Amino acid sequence: MVRDISDRKQAERDHLTGTLNRRGLDERLEMTCATARRYQRPVSLIFLDLDNFKTINDCHGHSTGDEILISVAHILLKTVRESDIVSRWGGEEFIILTPETPLAEAEQLAQRLRQKLAEHQHPLVGQVTASFGVAELASEESESDFIRRTDQALYAAKAAGRNRVERS
C-alpha cells in the first residue's frame, strides 16, 4: 500500500522541476474548483510561459534550458503561498492554481513573480523573462473553459510584447 502511494505521488510530479505535472494538476484543479463553486469562494489560475525559451535551448543547449526550468520552478515555489499549487504544464509553461484568491490578488502575485523572474540572473544566459495570463473561475465555468480563458490571457500578454501580465 505504501508503495502504491509513493508510486502515485511520483507519477504526479514533473521529473525535472519537482512541481506537479499535468496529471497531478488536473486532479487538484477539479477538486479546488468544485470546492470553490460549492462554497462560492474565489479561485484563480496563473499561466506563465518563459519568453524566447527556444532561443536559449538553441544557443546554449538543452542542459542549460533544463537548469533554467529548475531555477524558475524554485523561484515560483519560493514565492507562492503554501496553499498555492505550482505545476509544469509542459515545455516552458507553468500553471499556478491559487485557491481562495480573487482575480486582483492573483494578478498582483503574477506581477511579483514576473518581477522576481526578470531580476534573477542565470549563469550563461543572464535575464530570463516570462509572460503571464491570469483568470478567476466564473461560477458556472468548466475547468477546461477556465484553462482556455487563462491561456488566452497568456497569449494576449505575448502578443502585447512579452514580460507582462494580462488578465481575462
N, C-alpha and C. Protein backbone atom coordinates (compact mmCIF):
# COMPACT_ATOMS: atom_id res chain seq x y z
N MET A 1 0.83 -1.20 0.00
CA MET A 1 0.00 0.00 0.00
C MET A 1 0.87 1.26 0.00
N VAL A 2 1.90 1.29 0.85
CA VAL A 2 2.78 2.45 0.91
C VAL A 2 3.46 2.65 -0.44
N ARG A 3 3.86 1.57 -1.07
CA ARG A 3 4.50 1.64 -2.38
C ARG A 3 3.55 2.25 -3.41
N ASP A 4 2.25 1.89 -3.38
CA ASP A 4 1.26 2.44 -4.30
C ASP A 4 1.14 3.95 -4.15
N ILE A 5 1.12 4.44 -2.90
CA ILE A 5 1.02 5.87 -2.65
C ILE A 5 2.27 6.58 -3.16
N SER A 6 3.44 6.00 -2.89
CA SER A 6 4.69 6.58 -3.34
C SER A 6 4.76 6.62 -4.87
N ASP A 7 4.34 5.54 -5.52
CA ASP A 7 4.34 5.50 -6.99
C ASP A 7 3.39 6.54 -7.56
N ARG A 8 2.23 6.69 -6.92
CA ARG A 8 1.24 7.66 -7.40
C ARG A 8 1.78 9.08 -7.27
N LYS A 9 2.38 9.38 -6.10
CA LYS A 9 2.94 10.73 -5.92
C LYS A 9 4.03 11.00 -6.95
N GLN A 10 4.85 10.01 -7.21
CA GLN A 10 5.92 10.17 -8.19
C GLN A 10 5.34 10.38 -9.60
N ALA A 11 4.24 9.70 -9.91
CA ALA A 11 3.61 9.83 -11.23
C ALA A 11 2.96 11.21 -11.42
N GLU A 12 2.71 11.92 -10.33
CA GLU A 12 2.10 13.25 -10.41
C GLU A 12 3.13 14.37 -10.47
N ARG A 13 4.39 14.06 -10.39
CA ARG A 13 5.45 15.06 -10.35
C ARG A 13 6.21 15.13 -11.65
N ASP A 14 6.60 16.34 -12.01
CA ASP A 14 7.49 16.55 -13.14
C ASP A 14 8.88 16.12 -12.70
N HIS A 15 9.49 15.22 -13.43
CA HIS A 15 10.78 14.66 -13.02
C HIS A 15 11.90 15.70 -12.97
N LEU A 16 11.80 16.74 -13.75
CA LEU A 16 12.87 17.75 -13.81
C LEU A 16 12.75 18.79 -12.70
N THR A 17 11.56 19.38 -12.56
CA THR A 17 11.39 20.53 -11.66
C THR A 17 10.86 20.15 -10.27
N GLY A 18 10.28 18.97 -10.15
CA GLY A 18 9.71 18.57 -8.87
C GLY A 18 8.33 19.16 -8.62
N THR A 19 7.85 20.01 -9.53
CA THR A 19 6.49 20.55 -9.40
C THR A 19 5.52 19.47 -9.85
N LEU A 20 4.23 19.72 -9.65
CA LEU A 20 3.25 18.79 -10.18
C LEU A 20 3.33 18.79 -11.71
N ASN A 21 2.96 17.68 -12.31
CA ASN A 21 2.80 17.64 -13.76
C ASN A 21 1.32 17.85 -14.09
N ARG A 22 0.96 17.75 -15.34
CA ARG A 22 -0.44 17.99 -15.74
C ARG A 22 -1.39 17.01 -15.06
N ARG A 23 -0.97 15.79 -14.96
CA ARG A 23 -1.82 14.78 -14.31
C ARG A 23 -2.11 15.16 -12.86
N GLY A 24 -1.07 15.57 -12.15
CA GLY A 24 -1.25 15.98 -10.75
C GLY A 24 -2.09 17.23 -10.62
N LEU A 25 -1.92 18.16 -11.55
CA LEU A 25 -2.70 19.40 -11.50
C LEU A 25 -4.18 19.13 -11.79
N ASP A 26 -4.45 18.29 -12.78
CA ASP A 26 -5.84 18.04 -13.17
C ASP A 26 -6.69 17.62 -11.98
N GLU A 27 -6.18 16.71 -11.18
CA GLU A 27 -6.93 16.23 -10.02
C GLU A 27 -7.18 17.36 -9.01
N ARG A 28 -6.16 18.13 -8.74
CA ARG A 28 -6.30 19.22 -7.77
C ARG A 28 -7.17 20.35 -8.31
N LEU A 29 -7.08 20.60 -9.61
CA LEU A 29 -7.91 21.64 -10.22
C LEU A 29 -9.39 21.27 -10.09
N GLU A 30 -9.72 20.05 -10.41
CA GLU A 30 -11.11 19.60 -10.32
C GLU A 30 -11.63 19.74 -8.89
N MET A 31 -10.85 19.29 -7.92
CA MET A 31 -11.27 19.34 -6.52
C MET A 31 -11.37 20.79 -6.03
N THR A 32 -10.40 21.61 -6.38
CA THR A 32 -10.39 23.01 -5.94
C THR A 32 -11.56 23.79 -6.54
N CYS A 33 -11.84 23.57 -7.82
CA CYS A 33 -12.95 24.26 -8.47
C CYS A 33 -14.29 23.81 -7.90
N ALA A 34 -14.43 22.53 -7.63
CA ALA A 34 -15.67 22.02 -7.04
C ALA A 34 -15.91 22.65 -5.68
N THR A 35 -14.88 22.74 -4.88
CA THR A 35 -14.99 23.36 -3.56
C THR A 35 -15.32 24.84 -3.68
N ALA A 36 -14.66 25.53 -4.60
CA ALA A 36 -14.91 26.96 -4.81
C ALA A 36 -16.36 27.21 -5.24
N ARG A 37 -16.87 26.36 -6.13
CA ARG A 37 -18.25 26.52 -6.56
C ARG A 37 -19.22 26.26 -5.41
N ARG A 38 -18.97 25.20 -4.68
CA ARG A 38 -19.89 24.81 -3.60
C ARG A 38 -20.00 25.89 -2.54
N TYR A 39 -18.87 26.47 -2.16
CA TYR A 39 -18.86 27.46 -1.07
C TYR A 39 -18.80 28.90 -1.58
N GLN A 40 -18.92 29.04 -2.90
CA GLN A 40 -18.89 30.36 -3.54
C GLN A 40 -17.66 31.16 -3.10
N ARG A 41 -16.50 30.53 -3.27
CA ARG A 41 -15.22 31.13 -2.91
C ARG A 41 -14.40 31.35 -4.18
N PRO A 42 -13.54 32.34 -4.18
CA PRO A 42 -12.74 32.61 -5.38
C PRO A 42 -11.59 31.61 -5.55
N VAL A 43 -11.26 31.35 -6.77
CA VAL A 43 -10.07 30.60 -7.13
C VAL A 43 -9.58 31.15 -8.46
N SER A 44 -8.27 31.34 -8.56
CA SER A 44 -7.71 31.90 -9.79
C SER A 44 -6.60 31.00 -10.32
N LEU A 45 -6.33 31.17 -11.60
CA LEU A 45 -5.24 30.46 -12.27
C LEU A 45 -4.27 31.48 -12.84
N ILE A 46 -3.01 31.13 -12.79
CA ILE A 46 -1.96 31.94 -13.41
C ILE A 46 -1.20 31.02 -14.36
N PHE A 47 -1.16 31.38 -15.63
CA PHE A 47 -0.33 30.68 -16.62
C PHE A 47 0.90 31.53 -16.86
N LEU A 48 2.06 30.90 -16.97
CA LEU A 48 3.24 31.64 -17.39
C LEU A 48 4.03 30.83 -18.38
N ASP A 49 4.59 31.54 -19.33
CA ASP A 49 5.39 30.94 -20.38
C ASP A 49 6.68 31.74 -20.47
N LEU A 50 7.81 31.03 -20.40
CA LEU A 50 9.10 31.72 -20.48
C LEU A 50 9.27 32.29 -21.89
N ASP A 51 9.67 33.54 -21.94
CA ASP A 51 9.83 34.25 -23.21
C ASP A 51 11.08 33.78 -23.95
N ASN A 52 10.94 33.52 -25.22
CA ASN A 52 12.07 33.18 -26.10
C ASN A 52 12.89 32.00 -25.60
N PHE A 53 12.24 31.03 -25.02
CA PHE A 53 12.95 29.88 -24.44
C PHE A 53 13.63 29.03 -25.52
N LYS A 54 13.03 28.93 -26.67
CA LYS A 54 13.63 28.14 -27.76
C LYS A 54 15.02 28.66 -28.11
N THR A 55 15.19 29.97 -28.07
CA THR A 55 16.49 30.56 -28.35
C THR A 55 17.53 30.11 -27.33
N ILE A 56 17.13 30.01 -26.07
CA ILE A 56 18.06 29.55 -25.03
C ILE A 56 18.50 28.13 -25.33
N ASN A 57 17.55 27.24 -25.63
CA ASN A 57 17.91 25.86 -25.95
C ASN A 57 18.77 25.79 -27.20
N ASP A 58 18.44 26.59 -28.22
CA ASP A 58 19.20 26.55 -29.48
C ASP A 58 20.61 27.09 -29.32
N CYS A 59 20.78 28.14 -28.53
CA CYS A 59 22.09 28.79 -28.38
C CYS A 59 22.96 28.19 -27.29
N HIS A 60 22.34 27.70 -26.22
CA HIS A 60 23.10 27.26 -25.05
C HIS A 60 22.94 25.78 -24.74
N GLY A 61 22.04 25.10 -25.42
CA GLY A 61 21.85 23.68 -25.21
C GLY A 61 20.72 23.36 -24.24
N HIS A 62 20.24 22.14 -24.35
CA HIS A 62 19.10 21.72 -23.54
C HIS A 62 19.45 21.58 -22.06
N SER A 63 20.69 21.28 -21.74
CA SER A 63 21.04 21.17 -20.32
C SER A 63 20.95 22.54 -19.64
N THR A 64 21.32 23.60 -20.35
CA THR A 64 21.16 24.95 -19.82
C THR A 64 19.67 25.28 -19.69
N GLY A 65 18.90 24.90 -20.70
CA GLY A 65 17.45 25.10 -20.63
C GLY A 65 16.86 24.39 -19.43
N ASP A 66 17.32 23.17 -19.17
CA ASP A 66 16.84 22.42 -18.00
C ASP A 66 17.20 23.13 -16.70
N GLU A 67 18.41 23.65 -16.62
CA GLU A 67 18.83 24.39 -15.42
C GLU A 67 17.93 25.61 -15.19
N ILE A 68 17.55 26.28 -16.26
CA ILE A 68 16.68 27.45 -16.14
C ILE A 68 15.30 27.02 -15.66
N LEU A 69 14.76 25.94 -16.20
CA LEU A 69 13.45 25.45 -15.76
C LEU A 69 13.47 25.10 -14.27
N ILE A 70 14.53 24.47 -13.82
CA ILE A 70 14.67 24.13 -12.40
C ILE A 70 14.72 25.39 -11.56
N SER A 71 15.49 26.38 -12.01
CA SER A 71 15.61 27.64 -11.30
C SER A 71 14.28 28.39 -11.24
N VAL A 72 13.57 28.42 -12.36
CA VAL A 72 12.26 29.09 -12.41
C VAL A 72 11.30 28.40 -11.44
N ALA A 73 11.26 27.08 -11.47
CA ALA A 73 10.37 26.35 -10.56
C ALA A 73 10.70 26.68 -9.11
N HIS A 74 11.98 26.78 -8.80
CA HIS A 74 12.40 27.12 -7.43
C HIS A 74 11.90 28.52 -7.05
N ILE A 75 12.04 29.47 -7.93
CA ILE A 75 11.58 30.85 -7.67
C ILE A 75 10.06 30.86 -7.45
N LEU A 76 9.33 30.14 -8.30
CA LEU A 76 7.88 30.09 -8.17
C LEU A 76 7.49 29.48 -6.82
N LEU A 77 8.07 28.34 -6.49
CA LEU A 77 7.72 27.65 -5.25
C LEU A 77 8.07 28.48 -4.02
N LYS A 78 9.15 29.24 -4.11
CA LYS A 78 9.59 30.08 -3.00
C LYS A 78 8.69 31.31 -2.82
N THR A 79 8.05 31.75 -3.88
CA THR A 79 7.28 33.00 -3.86
C THR A 79 5.81 32.80 -3.54
N VAL A 80 5.22 31.70 -3.98
CA VAL A 80 3.79 31.49 -3.77
C VAL A 80 3.50 31.06 -2.34
N ARG A 81 2.22 31.11 -1.96
CA ARG A 81 1.80 30.63 -0.64
C ARG A 81 1.87 29.11 -0.59
N GLU A 82 1.92 28.58 0.60
CA GLU A 82 1.96 27.13 0.77
C GLU A 82 0.70 26.47 0.19
N SER A 83 -0.42 27.16 0.21
CA SER A 83 -1.68 26.61 -0.30
C SER A 83 -1.80 26.68 -1.82
N ASP A 84 -0.93 27.43 -2.47
CA ASP A 84 -0.95 27.53 -3.93
C ASP A 84 -0.29 26.29 -4.54
N ILE A 85 -0.71 25.94 -5.73
CA ILE A 85 -0.24 24.72 -6.38
C ILE A 85 0.49 25.10 -7.66
N VAL A 86 1.76 24.73 -7.73
CA VAL A 86 2.60 25.03 -8.89
C VAL A 86 2.74 23.76 -9.72
N SER A 87 2.54 23.90 -11.02
CA SER A 87 2.62 22.76 -11.92
C SER A 87 3.35 23.14 -13.19
N ARG A 88 4.15 22.22 -13.67
CA ARG A 88 4.74 22.41 -15.00
C ARG A 88 3.73 21.90 -16.00
N TRP A 89 3.24 22.78 -16.83
CA TRP A 89 2.18 22.46 -17.79
C TRP A 89 2.76 21.73 -18.98
N GLY A 90 3.96 22.08 -19.35
CA GLY A 90 4.63 21.45 -20.48
C GLY A 90 5.71 22.38 -21.00
N GLY A 91 6.77 21.81 -21.52
CA GLY A 91 7.84 22.63 -22.07
C GLY A 91 8.28 23.69 -21.10
N GLU A 92 8.09 24.94 -21.49
CA GLU A 92 8.50 26.07 -20.64
C GLU A 92 7.29 26.79 -20.05
N GLU A 93 6.17 26.10 -19.93
CA GLU A 93 4.96 26.68 -19.35
C GLU A 93 4.68 26.11 -17.96
N PHE A 94 4.26 26.99 -17.08
CA PHE A 94 3.87 26.61 -15.73
C PHE A 94 2.48 27.16 -15.44
N ILE A 95 1.77 26.50 -14.53
CA ILE A 95 0.47 26.96 -14.05
C ILE A 95 0.53 27.04 -12.54
N ILE A 96 -0.09 28.07 -12.01
CA ILE A 96 -0.23 28.20 -10.55
C ILE A 96 -1.72 28.30 -10.25
N LEU A 97 -2.19 27.37 -9.46
CA LEU A 97 -3.58 27.35 -9.01
C LEU A 97 -3.61 28.01 -7.64
N THR A 98 -4.43 29.05 -7.50
CA THR A 98 -4.44 29.84 -6.27
C THR A 98 -5.83 29.81 -5.62
N PRO A 99 -6.06 28.84 -4.72
CA PRO A 99 -7.35 28.80 -4.03
C PRO A 99 -7.56 30.03 -3.15
N GLU A 100 -8.83 30.37 -2.93
CA GLU A 100 -9.17 31.50 -2.05
C GLU A 100 -8.54 32.81 -2.52
N THR A 101 -8.41 32.97 -3.82
CA THR A 101 -7.73 34.14 -4.37
C THR A 101 -8.55 34.77 -5.48
N PRO A 102 -9.05 35.99 -5.25
CA PRO A 102 -9.76 36.69 -6.33
C PRO A 102 -8.78 37.18 -7.40
N LEU A 103 -9.33 37.58 -8.52
CA LEU A 103 -8.53 37.98 -9.68
C LEU A 103 -7.49 39.06 -9.36
N ALA A 104 -7.87 40.10 -8.64
CA ALA A 104 -6.94 41.21 -8.36
C ALA A 104 -5.72 40.71 -7.58
N GLU A 105 -5.93 39.83 -6.61
CA GLU A 105 -4.80 39.30 -5.83
C GLU A 105 -3.93 38.37 -6.67
N ALA A 106 -4.56 37.58 -7.54
CA ALA A 106 -3.80 36.70 -8.43
C ALA A 106 -2.96 37.52 -9.41
N GLU A 107 -3.52 38.61 -9.87
CA GLU A 107 -2.78 39.49 -10.77
C GLU A 107 -1.57 40.11 -10.05
N GLN A 108 -1.75 40.49 -8.80
CA GLN A 108 -0.63 41.02 -8.01
C GLN A 108 0.46 39.96 -7.82
N LEU A 109 0.05 38.72 -7.55
CA LEU A 109 1.02 37.64 -7.42
C LEU A 109 1.76 37.43 -8.73
N ALA A 110 1.04 37.44 -9.84
CA ALA A 110 1.68 37.27 -11.14
C ALA A 110 2.70 38.39 -11.39
N GLN A 111 2.37 39.61 -11.02
CA GLN A 111 3.32 40.73 -11.18
C GLN A 111 4.57 40.51 -10.32
N ARG A 112 4.38 40.03 -9.08
CA ARG A 112 5.54 39.75 -8.22
C ARG A 112 6.41 38.66 -8.83
N LEU A 113 5.78 37.62 -9.32
CA LEU A 113 6.53 36.52 -9.95
C LEU A 113 7.26 37.00 -11.19
N ARG A 114 6.59 37.80 -12.00
CA ARG A 114 7.21 38.34 -13.22
C ARG A 114 8.46 39.13 -12.87
N GLN A 115 8.33 39.96 -11.84
CA GLN A 115 9.46 40.79 -11.43
C GLN A 115 10.60 39.95 -10.87
N LYS A 116 10.29 38.98 -10.03
CA LYS A 116 11.34 38.12 -9.46
C LYS A 116 12.08 37.35 -10.54
N LEU A 117 11.33 36.83 -11.50
CA LEU A 117 11.97 36.10 -12.59
C LEU A 117 12.87 37.02 -13.42
N ALA A 118 12.39 38.22 -13.71
CA ALA A 118 13.16 39.17 -14.52
C ALA A 118 14.41 39.67 -13.80
N GLU A 119 14.35 39.72 -12.47
CA GLU A 119 15.50 40.21 -11.68
C GLU A 119 16.59 39.15 -11.51
N HIS A 120 16.21 37.89 -11.63
CA HIS A 120 17.17 36.80 -11.41
C HIS A 120 18.14 36.69 -12.59
N GLN A 121 19.41 36.62 -12.30
CA GLN A 121 20.42 36.45 -13.34
C GLN A 121 20.86 34.99 -13.39
N HIS A 122 20.64 34.35 -14.52
CA HIS A 122 21.01 32.95 -14.71
C HIS A 122 22.43 32.89 -15.27
N PRO A 123 23.25 31.99 -14.75
CA PRO A 123 24.59 31.82 -15.33
C PRO A 123 24.46 31.50 -16.83
N LEU A 124 25.32 32.00 -17.61
CA LEU A 124 25.38 31.82 -19.06
C LEU A 124 24.38 32.66 -19.85
N VAL A 125 23.15 32.81 -19.39
CA VAL A 125 22.14 33.49 -20.21
C VAL A 125 21.67 34.81 -19.63
N GLY A 126 21.94 35.09 -18.37
CA GLY A 126 21.50 36.35 -17.77
C GLY A 126 20.02 36.33 -17.45
N GLN A 127 19.32 37.38 -17.88
CA GLN A 127 17.91 37.56 -17.55
C GLN A 127 17.03 36.65 -18.41
N VAL A 128 16.04 36.05 -17.76
CA VAL A 128 15.00 35.29 -18.45
C VAL A 128 13.66 35.86 -17.99
N THR A 129 12.83 36.25 -18.94
CA THR A 129 11.53 36.83 -18.59
C THR A 129 10.41 35.85 -18.90
N ALA A 130 9.22 36.18 -18.44
CA ALA A 130 8.05 35.35 -18.69
C ALA A 130 6.83 36.23 -18.93
N SER A 131 5.90 35.68 -19.68
CA SER A 131 4.61 36.32 -19.91
C SER A 131 3.57 35.56 -19.11
N PHE A 132 2.56 36.30 -18.61
CA PHE A 132 1.58 35.72 -17.69
C PHE A 132 0.16 36.00 -18.14
N GLY A 133 -0.70 35.01 -17.96
CA GLY A 133 -2.14 35.18 -18.11
C GLY A 133 -2.81 34.80 -16.80
N VAL A 134 -3.81 35.58 -16.41
CA VAL A 134 -4.48 35.37 -15.12
C VAL A 134 -5.99 35.40 -15.33
N ALA A 135 -6.69 34.49 -14.64
CA ALA A 135 -8.16 34.48 -14.69
C ALA A 135 -8.70 33.94 -13.37
N GLU A 136 -9.91 34.38 -13.04
CA GLU A 136 -10.64 33.85 -11.88
C GLU A 136 -11.78 32.98 -12.40
N LEU A 137 -12.02 31.87 -11.73
CA LEU A 137 -13.09 30.95 -12.12
C LEU A 137 -14.44 31.64 -12.05
N ALA A 138 -15.20 31.57 -13.14
CA ALA A 138 -16.59 32.06 -13.16
C ALA A 138 -17.47 30.96 -12.57
N SER A 139 -18.57 31.35 -11.96
CA SER A 139 -19.39 30.42 -11.17
C SER A 139 -19.83 29.16 -11.91
N GLU A 140 -20.20 29.24 -13.14
CA GLU A 140 -20.69 28.07 -13.88
C GLU A 140 -19.69 27.56 -14.92
N GLU A 141 -18.47 28.03 -14.84
CA GLU A 141 -17.46 27.70 -15.84
C GLU A 141 -16.86 26.32 -15.59
N SER A 142 -16.63 25.56 -16.66
CA SER A 142 -15.95 24.27 -16.53
C SER A 142 -14.45 24.50 -16.35
N GLU A 143 -13.77 23.48 -15.87
CA GLU A 143 -12.32 23.57 -15.69
C GLU A 143 -11.63 23.80 -17.04
N SER A 144 -12.10 23.14 -18.08
CA SER A 144 -11.46 23.31 -19.39
C SER A 144 -11.66 24.72 -19.94
N ASP A 145 -12.83 25.31 -19.70
CA ASP A 145 -13.04 26.70 -20.13
C ASP A 145 -12.19 27.67 -19.30
N PHE A 146 -12.04 27.38 -18.03
CA PHE A 146 -11.20 28.18 -17.14
C PHE A 146 -9.76 28.17 -17.64
N ILE A 147 -9.26 26.99 -17.97
CA ILE A 147 -7.90 26.87 -18.50
C ILE A 147 -7.78 27.61 -19.83
N ARG A 148 -8.75 27.41 -20.70
CA ARG A 148 -8.73 28.05 -22.03
C ARG A 148 -8.72 29.58 -21.90
N ARG A 149 -9.52 30.11 -21.00
CA ARG A 149 -9.58 31.57 -20.82
C ARG A 149 -8.27 32.11 -20.26
N THR A 150 -7.68 31.38 -19.33
CA THR A 150 -6.39 31.80 -18.77
C THR A 150 -5.31 31.75 -19.84
N ASP A 151 -5.34 30.71 -20.66
CA ASP A 151 -4.38 30.57 -21.76
C ASP A 151 -4.53 31.72 -22.76
N GLN A 152 -5.75 32.14 -23.03
CA GLN A 152 -5.98 33.28 -23.94
C GLN A 152 -5.36 34.56 -23.37
N ALA A 153 -5.45 34.74 -22.06
CA ALA A 153 -4.82 35.91 -21.43
C ALA A 153 -3.29 35.83 -21.59
N LEU A 154 -2.74 34.64 -21.46
CA LEU A 154 -1.30 34.45 -21.66
C LEU A 154 -0.91 34.84 -23.09
N TYR A 155 -1.67 34.38 -24.07
CA TYR A 155 -1.36 34.73 -25.46
C TYR A 155 -1.50 36.23 -25.71
N ALA A 156 -2.43 36.87 -25.02
CA ALA A 156 -2.56 38.33 -25.13
C ALA A 156 -1.31 39.01 -24.59
N ALA A 157 -0.76 38.48 -23.50
CA ALA A 157 0.48 39.05 -22.92
C ALA A 157 1.64 38.89 -23.90
N LYS A 158 1.73 37.76 -24.55
CA LYS A 158 2.80 37.54 -25.53
C LYS A 158 2.62 38.48 -26.73
N ALA A 159 1.39 38.61 -27.19
CA ALA A 159 1.11 39.47 -28.35
C ALA A 159 1.36 40.94 -28.04
N ALA A 160 1.22 41.31 -26.77
CA ALA A 160 1.40 42.71 -26.37
C ALA A 160 2.86 43.05 -26.09
N GLY A 161 3.77 42.10 -26.27
CA GLY A 161 5.18 42.42 -26.15
C GLY A 161 5.98 41.59 -25.17
N ARG A 162 5.39 40.63 -24.50
CA ARG A 162 6.08 39.72 -23.57
C ARG A 162 6.49 40.44 -22.28
N ASN A 163 6.92 39.62 -21.31
CA ASN A 163 7.34 40.11 -19.99
C ASN A 163 6.27 41.02 -19.38
N ARG A 164 5.04 40.52 -19.40
CA ARG A 164 3.91 41.29 -18.88
C ARG A 164 2.83 40.36 -18.38
N VAL A 165 1.86 40.92 -17.69
CA VAL A 165 0.73 40.18 -17.16
C VAL A 165 -0.54 40.71 -17.81
N GLU A 166 -1.36 39.78 -18.30
CA GLU A 166 -2.69 40.13 -18.84
C GLU A 166 -3.72 39.31 -18.09
N ARG A 167 -4.89 39.89 -17.87
CA ARG A 167 -5.96 39.20 -17.16
C ARG A 167 -7.14 38.98 -18.08
N SER A 168 -7.92 37.99 -17.73
CA SER A 168 -9.12 37.68 -18.51
C SER A 168 -10.35 37.90 -17.65
